[in-house]
Amino acid sequence: GALLEAKGVHTGRSAYNHLLSLAATHGIGASRVREVIQIAGLES
């Protein structure tokens, strides 16, 4: 897992959809997306 450039994100997407699109490339479910959003404190 790498954070090299925080701005390398499609600015028109929501945080949830950005993570969901990344998850889809590895078959990661939506439950994990919600989990990391909670870990990062981004629920609101």
All heavy atoms as atom14 arrays in JSON, in Angstrom:
{
  "sequence": "GALLEAKGVHTGRSAYNHLLSLAATHGIGASRVREVIQIAGLES",
  "atom14_mask": [
    [1, 1, 1, 1, 0, 0, 0, 0, 0, 0, 0, 0, 0, 0],
    [1, 1, 1, 1, 1, 0, 0, 0, 0, 0, 0, 0, 0, 0],
    [1, 1, 1, 1, 1, 1, 1, 1, 0, 0, 0, 0, 0, 0],
    [1, 1, 1, 1, 1, 1, 1, 1, 0, 0, 0, 0, 0, 0],
    [1, 1, 1, 1, 1, 1, 1, 1, 1, 0, 0, 0, 0, 0],
    [1, 1, 1, 1, 1, 0, 0, 0, 0, 0, 0, 0, 0, 0],
    [1, 1, 1, 1, 1, 1, 1, 1, 1, 0, 0, 0, 0, 0],
    [1, 1, 1, 1, 0, 0, 0, 0, 0, 0, 0, 0, 0, 0],
    [1, 1, 1, 1, 1, 1, 1, 0, 0, 0, 0, 0, 0, 0],
    [1, 1, 1, 1, 1, 1, 1, 1, 1, 1, 0, 0, 0, 0],
    [1, 1, 1, 1, 1, 1, 1, 0, 0, 0, 0, 0, 0, 0],
    [1, 1, 1, 1, 0, 0, 0, 0, 0, 0, 0, 0, 0, 0],
    [1, 1, 1, 1, 1, 1, 1, 1, 1, 1, 1, 0, 0, 0],
    [1, 1, 1, 1, 1, 1, 0, 0, 0, 0, 0, 0, 0, 0],
    [1, 1, 1, 1, 1, 0, 0, 0, 0, 0, 0, 0, 0, 0],
    [1, 1, 1, 1, 1, 1, 1, 1, 1, 1, 1, 1, 0, 0],
    [1, 1, 1, 1, 1, 1, 1, 1, 0, 0, 0, 0, 0, 0],
    [1, 1, 1, 1, 1, 1, 1, 1, 1, 1, 0, 0, 0, 0],
    [1, 1, 1, 1, 1, 1, 1, 1, 0, 0, 0, 0, 0, 0],
    [1, 1, 1, 1, 1, 1, 1, 1, 0, 0, 0, 0, 0, 0],
    [1, 1, 1, 1, 1, 1, 0, 0, 0, 0, 0, 0, 0, 0],
    [1, 1, 1, 1, 1, 1, 1, 1, 0, 0, 0, 0, 0, 0],
    [1, 1, 1, 1, 1, 0, 0, 0, 0, 0, 0, 0, 0, 0],
    [1, 1, 1, 1, 1, 0, 0, 0, 0, 0, 0, 0, 0, 0],
    [1, 1, 1, 1, 1, 1, 1, 0, 0, 0, 0, 0, 0, 0],
    [1, 1, 1, 1, 1, 1, 1, 1, 1, 1, 0, 0, 0, 0],
    [1, 1, 1, 1, 0, 0, 0, 0, 0, 0, 0, 0, 0, 0],
    [1, 1, 1, 1, 1, 1, 1, 1, 0, 0, 0, 0, 0, 0],
    [1, 1, 1, 1, 0, 0, 0, 0, 0, 0, 0, 0, 0, 0],
    [1, 1, 1, 1, 1, 0, 0, 0, 0, 0, 0, 0, 0, 0],
    [1, 1, 1, 1, 1, 1, 0, 0, 0, 0, 0, 0, 0, 0],
    [1, 1, 1, 1, 1, 1, 1, 1, 1, 1, 1, 0, 0, 0],
    [1, 1, 1, 1, 1, 1, 1, 0, 0, 0, 0, 0, 0, 0],
    [1, 1, 1, 1, 1, 1, 1, 1, 1, 1, 1, 0, 0, 0],
    [1, 1, 1, 1, 1, 1, 1, 1, 1, 0, 0, 0, 0, 0],
    [1, 1, 1, 1, 1, 1, 1, 0, 0, 0, 0, 0, 0, 0],
    [1, 1, 1, 1, 1, 1, 1, 1, 0, 0, 0, 0, 0, 0],
    [1, 1, 1, 1, 1, 1, 1, 1, 1, 0, 0, 0, 0, 0],
    [1, 1, 1, 1, 1, 1, 1, 1, 0, 0, 0, 0, 0, 0],
    [1, 1, 1, 1, 1, 0, 0, 0, 0, 0, 0, 0, 0, 0],
    [1, 1, 1, 1, 0, 0, 0, 0, 0, 0, 0, 0, 0, 0],
    [1, 1, 1, 1, 1, 1, 1, 1, 0, 0, 0, 0, 0, 0],
    [1, 1, 1, 1, 1, 1, 1, 1, 1, 0, 0, 0, 0, 0],
    [1, 1, 1, 1, 1, 1, 0, 0, 0, 0, 0, 0, 0, 0]
  ],
  "atom14_positions": [
    [[0.85, -1.18, 0.0], [0.0, 0.0, 0.0], [0.89, 1.23, 0.0], [1.82, 1.32, 0.8], [0.0, 0.0, 0.0], [0.0, 0.0, 0.0], [0.0, 0.0, 0.0], [0.0, 0.0, 0.0], [0.0, 0.0, 0.0], [0.0, 0.0, 0.0], [0.0, 0.0, 0.0], [0.0, 0.0, 0.0], [0.0, 0.0, 0.0], [0.0, 0.0, 0.0]],
    [[0.65, 2.17, -0.91], [1.55, 3.31, -1.04], [0.79, 4.61, -1.13], [-0.25, 4.7, -1.8], [2.43, 3.14, -2.27], [0.0, 0.0, 0.0], [0.0, 0.0, 0.0], [0.0, 0.0, 0.0], [0.0, 0.0, 0.0], [0.0, 0.0, 0.0], [0.0, 0.0, 0.0], [0.0, 0.0, 0.0], [0.0, 0.0, 0.0], [0.0, 0.0, 0.0]],
    [[1.31, 5.63, -0.47], [0.87, 7.01, -0.62], [2.07, 7.81, -1.07], [2.98, 8.09, -0.3], [0.34, 7.57, 0.7], [0.11, 9.09, 0.74], [-1.0, 9.49, -0.23], [-0.22, 9.57, 2.15], [0.0, 0.0, 0.0], [0.0, 0.0, 0.0], [0.0, 0.0, 0.0], [0.0, 0.0, 0.0], [0.0, 0.0, 0.0], [0.0, 0.0, 0.0]],
    [[2.1, 8.15, -2.36], [3.2, 8.93, -2.91], [2.74, 10.3, -3.38], [3.52, 11.26, -3.35], [3.86, 8.19, -4.09], [4.44, 6.81, -3.79], [5.19, 6.29, -4.99], [5.36, 6.85, -2.57], [0.0, 0.0, 0.0], [0.0, 0.0, 0.0], [0.0, 0.0, 0.0], [0.0, 0.0, 0.0], [0.0, 0.0, 0.0], [0.0, 0.0, 0.0]],
    [[1.52, 10.42, -3.81], [0.99, 11.69, -4.3], [-0.5, 11.74, -3.98], [-1.31, 11.13, -4.67], [1.22, 11.84, -5.81], [0.63, 13.11, -6.42], [1.05, 14.36, -5.69], [2.22, 14.75, -5.79], [0.2, 14.95, -5.0], [0.0, 0.0, 0.0], [0.0, 0.0, 0.0], [0.0, 0.0, 0.0], [0.0, 0.0, 0.0], [0.0, 0.0, 0.0]],
    [[-0.83, 12.47, -2.91], [-2.22, 12.48, -2.44], [-3.17, 13.1, -3.45], [-4.37, 12.84, -3.43], [-2.31, 13.24, -1.11], [0.0, 0.0, 0.0], [0.0, 0.0, 0.0], [0.0, 0.0, 0.0], [0.0, 0.0, 0.0], [0.0, 0.0, 0.0], [0.0, 0.0, 0.0], [0.0, 0.0, 0.0], [0.0, 0.0, 0.0], [0.0, 0.0, 0.0]],
    [[-2.66, 13.94, -4.37], [-3.54, 14.62, -5.32], [-3.79, 13.8, -6.59], [-4.48, 14.27, -7.48], [-2.93, 15.97, -5.7], [-2.89, 16.96, -4.53], [-2.35, 18.31, -4.97], [-2.34, 19.3, -3.81], [-1.81, 20.62, -4.21], [0.0, 0.0, 0.0], [0.0, 0.0, 0.0], [0.0, 0.0, 0.0], [0.0, 0.0, 0.0], [0.0, 0.0, 0.0]],
    [[-3.25, 12.59, -6.66], [-3.45, 11.77, -7.85], [-4.8, 11.08, -7.83], [-4.89, 9.85, -7.86], [0.0, 0.0, 0.0], [0.0, 0.0, 0.0], [0.0, 0.0, 0.0], [0.0, 0.0, 0.0], [0.0, 0.0, 0.0], [0.0, 0.0, 0.0], [0.0, 0.0, 0.0], [0.0, 0.0, 0.0], [0.0, 0.0, 0.0], [0.0, 0.0, 0.0]],
    [[-5.87, 11.87, -7.79], [-7.23, 11.35, -7.67], [-8.13, 12.12, -8.64], [-7.95, 13.32, -8.85], [-7.74, 11.54, -6.22], [-9.17, 11.06, -6.08], [-6.84, 10.83, -5.22], [0.0, 0.0, 0.0], [0.0, 0.0, 0.0], [0.0, 0.0, 0.0], [0.0, 0.0, 0.0], [0.0, 0.0, 0.0], [0.0, 0.0, 0.0], [0.0, 0.0, 0.0]],
    [[-9.11, 11.42, -9.22], [-10.1, 12.08, -10.08], [-10.94, 13.01, -9.19], [-11.69, 12.56, -8.32], [-10.99, 11.02, -10.73], [-11.86, 11.56, -11.83], [-12.78, 12.57, -11.62], [-11.96, 11.23, -13.14], [-13.41, 12.84, -12.74], [-12.92, 12.04, -13.69], [0.0, 0.0, 0.0], [0.0, 0.0, 0.0], [0.0, 0.0, 0.0], [0.0, 0.0, 0.0]],
    [[-10.82, 14.31, -9.42], [-11.44, 15.28, -8.52], [-12.97, 15.29, -8.59], [-13.63, 15.8, -7.69], [-10.91, 16.7, -8.81], [-11.16, 17.02, -10.19], [-9.42, 16.79, -8.53], [0.0, 0.0, 0.0], [0.0, 0.0, 0.0], [0.0, 0.0, 0.0], [0.0, 0.0, 0.0], [0.0, 0.0, 0.0], [0.0, 0.0, 0.0], [0.0, 0.0, 0.0]],
    [[-13.52, 14.73, -9.65], [-14.97, 14.7, -9.77], [-15.63, 13.54, -9.05], [-16.85, 13.51, -8.91], [0.0, 0.0, 0.0], [0.0, 0.0, 0.0], [0.0, 0.0, 0.0], [0.0, 0.0, 0.0], [0.0, 0.0, 0.0], [0.0, 0.0, 0.0], [0.0, 0.0, 0.0], [0.0, 0.0, 0.0], [0.0, 0.0, 0.0], [0.0, 0.0, 0.0]],
    [[-14.84, 12.58, -8.59], [-15.38, 11.42, -7.89], [-15.51, 11.7, -6.39], [-14.76, 12.5, -5.82], [-14.48, 10.21, -8.08], [-14.6, 9.55, -9.43], [-13.66, 8.37, -9.5], [-13.77, 7.67, -10.78], [-12.9, 6.77, -11.2], [-11.86, 6.46, -10.46], [-13.06, 6.19, -12.37], [0.0, 0.0, 0.0], [0.0, 0.0, 0.0], [0.0, 0.0, 0.0]],
    [[-16.41, 11.01, -5.76], [-16.48, 11.05, -4.3], [-15.37, 10.17, -3.74], [-14.81, 9.32, -4.45], [-17.84, 10.55, -3.81], [-17.97, 9.16, -4.07], [0.0, 0.0, 0.0], [0.0, 0.0, 0.0], [0.0, 0.0, 0.0], [0.0, 0.0, 0.0], [0.0, 0.0, 0.0], [0.0, 0.0, 0.0], [0.0, 0.0, 0.0], [0.0, 0.0, 0.0]],
    [[-15.05, 10.37, -2.48], [-14.04, 9.54, -1.83], [-14.44, 8.07, -1.87], [-13.61, 7.19, -2.15], [-13.86, 9.99, -0.38], [0.0, 0.0, 0.0], [0.0, 0.0, 0.0], [0.0, 0.0, 0.0], [0.0, 0.0, 0.0], [0.0, 0.0, 0.0], [0.0, 0.0, 0.0], [0.0, 0.0, 0.0], [0.0, 0.0, 0.0], [0.0, 0.0, 0.0]],
    [[-15.72, 7.8, -1.63], [-16.2, 6.42, -1.65], [-16.03, 5.8, -3.03], [-15.52, 4.67, -3.16], [-17.68, 6.38, -1.23], [-18.28, 5.0, -1.27], [-18.1, 4.11, -0.21], [-19.03, 4.57, -2.37], [-18.65, 2.83, -0.25], [-19.57, 3.3, -2.42], [-19.38, 2.43, -1.36], [-19.91, 1.17, -1.41], [0.0, 0.0, 0.0], [0.0, 0.0, 0.0]],
    [[-16.43, 6.51, -4.08], [-16.33, 5.95, -5.43], [-14.87, 5.8, -5.88], [-14.55, 4.88, -6.64], [-17.1, 6.82, -6.42], [-18.6, 6.62, -6.31], [-19.06, 5.57, -5.86], [-19.38, 7.62, -6.71], [0.0, 0.0, 0.0], [0.0, 0.0, 0.0], [0.0, 0.0, 0.0], [0.0, 0.0, 0.0], [0.0, 0.0, 0.0], [0.0, 0.0, 0.0]],
    [[-14.02, 6.7, -5.44], [-12.59, 6.56, -5.75], [-12.05, 5.26, -5.17], [-11.4, 4.47, -5.88], [-11.82, 7.75, -5.19], [-10.33, 7.55, -5.2], [-9.6, 7.47, -6.37], [-9.44, 7.4, -4.18], [-8.32, 7.28, -6.07], [-8.2, 7.23, -4.75], [0.0, 0.0, 0.0], [0.0, 0.0, 0.0], [0.0, 0.0, 0.0], [0.0, 0.0, 0.0]],
    [[-12.34, 5.02, -3.91], [-11.87, 3.79, -3.27], [-12.54, 2.56, -3.86], [-11.9, 1.52, -4.02], [-12.12, 3.87, -1.77], [-11.3, 4.94, -1.02], [-11.77, 5.06, 0.42], [-9.81, 4.63, -1.06], [0.0, 0.0, 0.0], [0.0, 0.0, 0.0], [0.0, 0.0, 0.0], [0.0, 0.0, 0.0], [0.0, 0.0, 0.0], [0.0, 0.0, 0.0]],
    [[-13.81, 2.68, -4.2], [-14.54, 1.55, -4.78], [-13.95, 1.15, -6.13], [-13.83, -0.05, -6.44], [-16.01, 1.91, -4.94], [-16.98, 0.75, -5.21], [-16.99, -0.24, -4.05], [-18.38, 1.29, -5.49], [0.0, 0.0, 0.0], [0.0, 0.0, 0.0], [0.0, 0.0, 0.0], [0.0, 0.0, 0.0], [0.0, 0.0, 0.0], [0.0, 0.0, 0.0]],
    [[-13.54, 2.15, -6.93], [-12.94, 1.84, -8.23], [-11.59, 1.15, -8.07], [-11.25, 0.24, -8.83], [-12.78, 3.12, -9.07], [-11.86, 4.02, -8.47], [0.0, 0.0, 0.0], [0.0, 0.0, 0.0], [0.0, 0.0, 0.0], [0.0, 0.0, 0.0], [0.0, 0.0, 0.0], [0.0, 0.0, 0.0], [0.0, 0.0, 0.0], [0.0, 0.0, 0.0]],
    [[-10.81, 1.56, -7.08], [-9.54, 0.87, -6.8], [-9.8, -0.55, -6.32], [-9.11, -1.49, -6.73], [-8.75, 1.65, -5.74], [-8.17, 3.0, -6.13], [-7.49, 3.64, -4.92], [-7.17, 2.86, -7.27], [0.0, 0.0, 0.0], [0.0, 0.0, 0.0], [0.0, 0.0, 0.0], [0.0, 0.0, 0.0], [0.0, 0.0, 0.0], [0.0, 0.0, 0.0]],
    [[-10.78, -0.69, -5.46], [-11.1, -2.01, -4.92], [-11.5, -2.98, -6.02], [-11.16, -4.17, -5.98], [-12.21, -1.88, -3.88], [0.0, 0.0, 0.0], [0.0, 0.0, 0.0], [0.0, 0.0, 0.0], [0.0, 0.0, 0.0], [0.0, 0.0, 0.0], [0.0, 0.0, 0.0], [0.0, 0.0, 0.0], [0.0, 0.0, 0.0], [0.0, 0.0, 0.0]],
    [[-12.24, -2.49, -7.01], [-12.72, -3.36, -8.1], [-11.59, -4.0, -8.88], [-11.75, -5.1, -9.41], [-13.62, -2.54, -9.03], [0.0, 0.0, 0.0], [0.0, 0.0, 0.0], [0.0, 0.0, 0.0], [0.0, 0.0, 0.0], [0.0, 0.0, 0.0], [0.0, 0.0, 0.0], [0.0, 0.0, 0.0], [0.0, 0.0, 0.0], [0.0, 0.0, 0.0]],
    [[-10.42, -3.34, -8.94], [-9.3, -3.9, -9.69], [-8.74, -5.15, -9.04], [-8.02, -5.92, -9.69], [-8.17, -2.86, -9.85], [-7.61, -2.58, -8.55], [-8.69, -1.57, -10.48], [0.0, 0.0, 0.0], [0.0, 0.0, 0.0], [0.0, 0.0, 0.0], [0.0, 0.0, 0.0], [0.0, 0.0, 0.0], [0.0, 0.0, 0.0], [0.0, 0.0, 0.0]],
    [[-9.03, -5.35, -7.74], [-8.49, -6.51, -7.02], [-9.58, -7.38, -6.42], [-9.3, -8.24, -5.57], [-7.54, -6.03, -5.91], [-6.19, -5.62, -6.4], [-6.0, -4.58, -7.28], [-4.94, -6.11, -6.14], [-4.72, -4.44, -7.54], [-4.06, -5.36, -6.87], [0.0, 0.0, 0.0], [0.0, 0.0, 0.0], [0.0, 0.0, 0.0], [0.0, 0.0, 0.0]],
    [[-10.8, -7.15, -6.84], [-11.89, -7.96, -6.3], [-12.16, -7.72, -4.83], [-12.64, -8.61, -4.11], [0.0, 0.0, 0.0], [0.0, 0.0, 0.0], [0.0, 0.0, 0.0], [0.0, 0.0, 0.0], [0.0, 0.0, 0.0], [0.0, 0.0, 0.0], [0.0, 0.0, 0.0], [0.0, 0.0, 0.0], [0.0, 0.0, 0.0], [0.0, 0.0, 0.0]],
    [[-11.85, -6.52, -4.36], [-12.07, -6.16, -2.95], [-13.51, -5.65, -2.81], [-13.96, -4.81, -3.58], [-11.06, -5.1, -2.49], [-9.63, -5.64, -2.6], [-11.36, -4.64, -1.07], [-8.55, -4.6, -2.4], [0.0, 0.0, 0.0], [0.0, 0.0, 0.0], [0.0, 0.0, 0.0], [0.0, 0.0, 0.0], [0.0, 0.0, 0.0], [0.0, 0.0, 0.0]],
    [[-14.22, -6.12, -1.8], [-15.62, -5.78, -1.64], [-15.86, -4.41, -1.05], [-14.96, -3.77, -0.49], [0.0, 0.0, 0.0], [0.0, 0.0, 0.0], [0.0, 0.0, 0.0], [0.0, 0.0, 0.0], [0.0, 0.0, 0.0], [0.0, 0.0, 0.0], [0.0, 0.0, 0.0], [0.0, 0.0, 0.0], [0.0, 0.0, 0.0], [0.0, 0.0, 0.0]],
    [[-17.11, -3.96, -1.17], [-17.5, -2.64, -0.67], [-17.37, -2.55, 0.85], [-17.17, -1.45, 1.4], [-18.93, -2.32, -1.09], [0.0, 0.0, 0.0], [0.0, 0.0, 0.0], [0.0, 0.0, 0.0], [0.0, 0.0, 0.0], [0.0, 0.0, 0.0], [0.0, 0.0, 0.0], [0.0, 0.0, 0.0], [0.0, 0.0, 0.0], [0.0, 0.0, 0.0]],
    [[-17.47, -3.67, 1.55], [-17.34, -3.66, 3.01], [-15.95, -3.19, 3.43], [-15.81, -2.47, 4.43], [-17.63, -5.04, 3.59], [-16.7, -6.01, 3.09], [0.0, 0.0, 0.0], [0.0, 0.0, 0.0], [0.0, 0.0, 0.0], [0.0, 0.0, 0.0], [0.0, 0.0, 0.0], [0.0, 0.0, 0.0], [0.0, 0.0, 0.0], [0.0, 0.0, 0.0]],
    [[-14.93, -3.57, 2.67], [-13.57, -3.12, 2.98], [-13.42, -1.63, 2.68], [-12.72, -0.92, 3.4], [-12.54, -3.94, 2.19], [-11.09, -3.51, 2.4], [-10.66, -3.61, 3.87], [-9.26, -3.22, 4.03], [-8.66, -3.08, 5.21], [-9.34, -3.3, 6.33], [-7.39, -2.73, 5.27], [0.0, 0.0, 0.0], [0.0, 0.0, 0.0], [0.0, 0.0, 0.0]],
    [[-14.07, -1.16, 1.64], [-14.05, 0.27, 1.33], [-14.62, 1.05, 2.52], [-14.04, 2.05, 2.97], [-14.85, 0.58, 0.05], [-14.99, 2.09, -0.15], [-14.17, -0.06, -1.16], [0.0, 0.0, 0.0], [0.0, 0.0, 0.0], [0.0, 0.0, 0.0], [0.0, 0.0, 0.0], [0.0, 0.0, 0.0], [0.0, 0.0, 0.0], [0.0, 0.0, 0.0]],
    [[-15.77, 0.61, 3.03], [-16.37, 1.3, 4.18], [-15.48, 1.21, 5.41], [-15.39, 2.15, 6.21], [-17.74, 0.7, 4.47], [-18.78, 0.99, 3.39], [-20.18, 0.59, 3.84], [-20.32, -0.86, 3.94], [-20.69, -1.65, 2.94], [-20.96, -1.14, 1.74], [-20.81, -2.94, 3.12], [0.0, 0.0, 0.0], [0.0, 0.0, 0.0], [0.0, 0.0, 0.0]],
    [[-14.76, 0.09, 5.53], [-13.88, -0.09, 6.69], [-12.72, 0.89, 6.67], [-12.41, 1.53, 7.68], [-13.36, -1.53, 6.7], [-12.54, -1.87, 7.93], [-12.1, -3.32, 7.94], [-12.62, -4.11, 7.13], [-11.23, -3.67, 8.77], [0.0, 0.0, 0.0], [0.0, 0.0, 0.0], [0.0, 0.0, 0.0], [0.0, 0.0, 0.0], [0.0, 0.0, 0.0]],
    [[-12.06, 1.05, 5.5], [-10.92, 1.97, 5.46], [-11.37, 3.43, 5.55], [-10.63, 4.29, 6.06], [-10.04, 1.74, 4.2], [-9.43, 0.35, 4.22], [-10.81, 1.99, 2.92], [0.0, 0.0, 0.0], [0.0, 0.0, 0.0], [0.0, 0.0, 0.0], [0.0, 0.0, 0.0], [0.0, 0.0, 0.0], [0.0, 0.0, 0.0], [0.0, 0.0, 0.0]],
    [[-12.57, 3.72, 5.08], [-13.11, 5.07, 5.25], [-13.27, 5.38, 6.73], [-12.94, 6.48, 7.2], [-14.45, 5.21, 4.5], [-14.2, 5.34, 3.0], [-15.24, 6.43, 5.01], [-15.46, 5.34, 2.15], [0.0, 0.0, 0.0], [0.0, 0.0, 0.0], [0.0, 0.0, 0.0], [0.0, 0.0, 0.0], [0.0, 0.0, 0.0], [0.0, 0.0, 0.0]],
    [[-13.73, 4.4, 7.48], [-13.88, 4.58, 8.92], [-12.52, 4.7, 9.6], [-12.32, 5.56, 10.47], [-14.65, 3.4, 9.52], [-14.93, 3.54, 11.01], [-15.75, 2.4, 11.55], [-15.86, 1.34, 10.93], [-16.33, 2.58, 12.72], [0.0, 0.0, 0.0], [0.0, 0.0, 0.0], [0.0, 0.0, 0.0], [0.0, 0.0, 0.0], [0.0, 0.0, 0.0]],
    [[-11.55, 3.87, 9.2], [-10.21, 3.94, 9.77], [-9.61, 5.32, 9.56], [-8.97, 5.89, 10.45], [-9.3, 2.86, 9.14], [-9.74, 1.46, 9.58], [-7.83, 3.09, 9.52], [-9.04, 0.34, 8.84], [0.0, 0.0, 0.0], [0.0, 0.0, 0.0], [0.0, 0.0, 0.0], [0.0, 0.0, 0.0], [0.0, 0.0, 0.0], [0.0, 0.0, 0.0]],
    [[-9.83, 5.9, 8.36], [-9.25, 7.2, 8.02], [-10.06, 8.38, 8.54], [-9.65, 9.52, 8.37], [-9.09, 7.31, 6.51], [0.0, 0.0, 0.0], [0.0, 0.0, 0.0], [0.0, 0.0, 0.0], [0.0, 0.0, 0.0], [0.0, 0.0, 0.0], [0.0, 0.0, 0.0], [0.0, 0.0, 0.0], [0.0, 0.0, 0.0], [0.0, 0.0, 0.0]],
    [[-11.2, 8.11, 9.16], [-12.0, 9.19, 9.71], [-12.69, 10.03, 8.66], [-12.88, 11.24, 8.84], [0.0, 0.0, 0.0], [0.0, 0.0, 0.0], [0.0, 0.0, 0.0], [0.0, 0.0, 0.0], [0.0, 0.0, 0.0], [0.0, 0.0, 0.0], [0.0, 0.0, 0.0], [0.0, 0.0, 0.0], [0.0, 0.0, 0.0], [0.0, 0.0, 0.0]],
    [[-13.09, 9.41, 7.55], [-13.69, 10.15, 6.44], [-15.19, 9.89, 6.27], [-15.76, 10.23, 5.24], [-12.98, 9.77, 5.13], [-11.51, 10.21, 4.99], [-10.89, 9.6, 3.75], [-11.39, 11.72, 4.96], [0.0, 0.0, 0.0], [0.0, 0.0, 0.0], [0.0, 0.0, 0.0], [0.0, 0.0, 0.0], [0.0, 0.0, 0.0], [0.0, 0.0, 0.0]],
    [[-15.85, 9.32, 7.29], [-17.26, 8.98, 7.15], [-18.12, 10.18, 6.74], [-19.01, 10.06, 5.89], [-17.81, 8.4, 8.47], [-17.14, 7.11, 8.91], [-16.11, 7.36, 9.98], [-15.35, 8.36, 9.86], [-16.06, 6.58, 10.94], [0.0, 0.0, 0.0], [0.0, 0.0, 0.0], [0.0, 0.0, 0.0], [0.0, 0.0, 0.0], [0.0, 0.0, 0.0]],
    [[-17.84, 11.35, 7.33], [-18.7, 12.51, 7.09], [-18.53, 13.1, 5.7], [-19.39, 13.87, 5.25], [-18.43, 13.59, 8.15], [-17.09, 14.07, 8.04], [0.0, 0.0, 0.0], [0.0, 0.0, 0.0], [0.0, 0.0, 0.0], [0.0, 0.0, 0.0], [0.0, 0.0, 0.0], [0.0, 0.0, 0.0], [0.0, 0.0, 0.0], [0.0, 0.0, 0.0]]
  ]
}
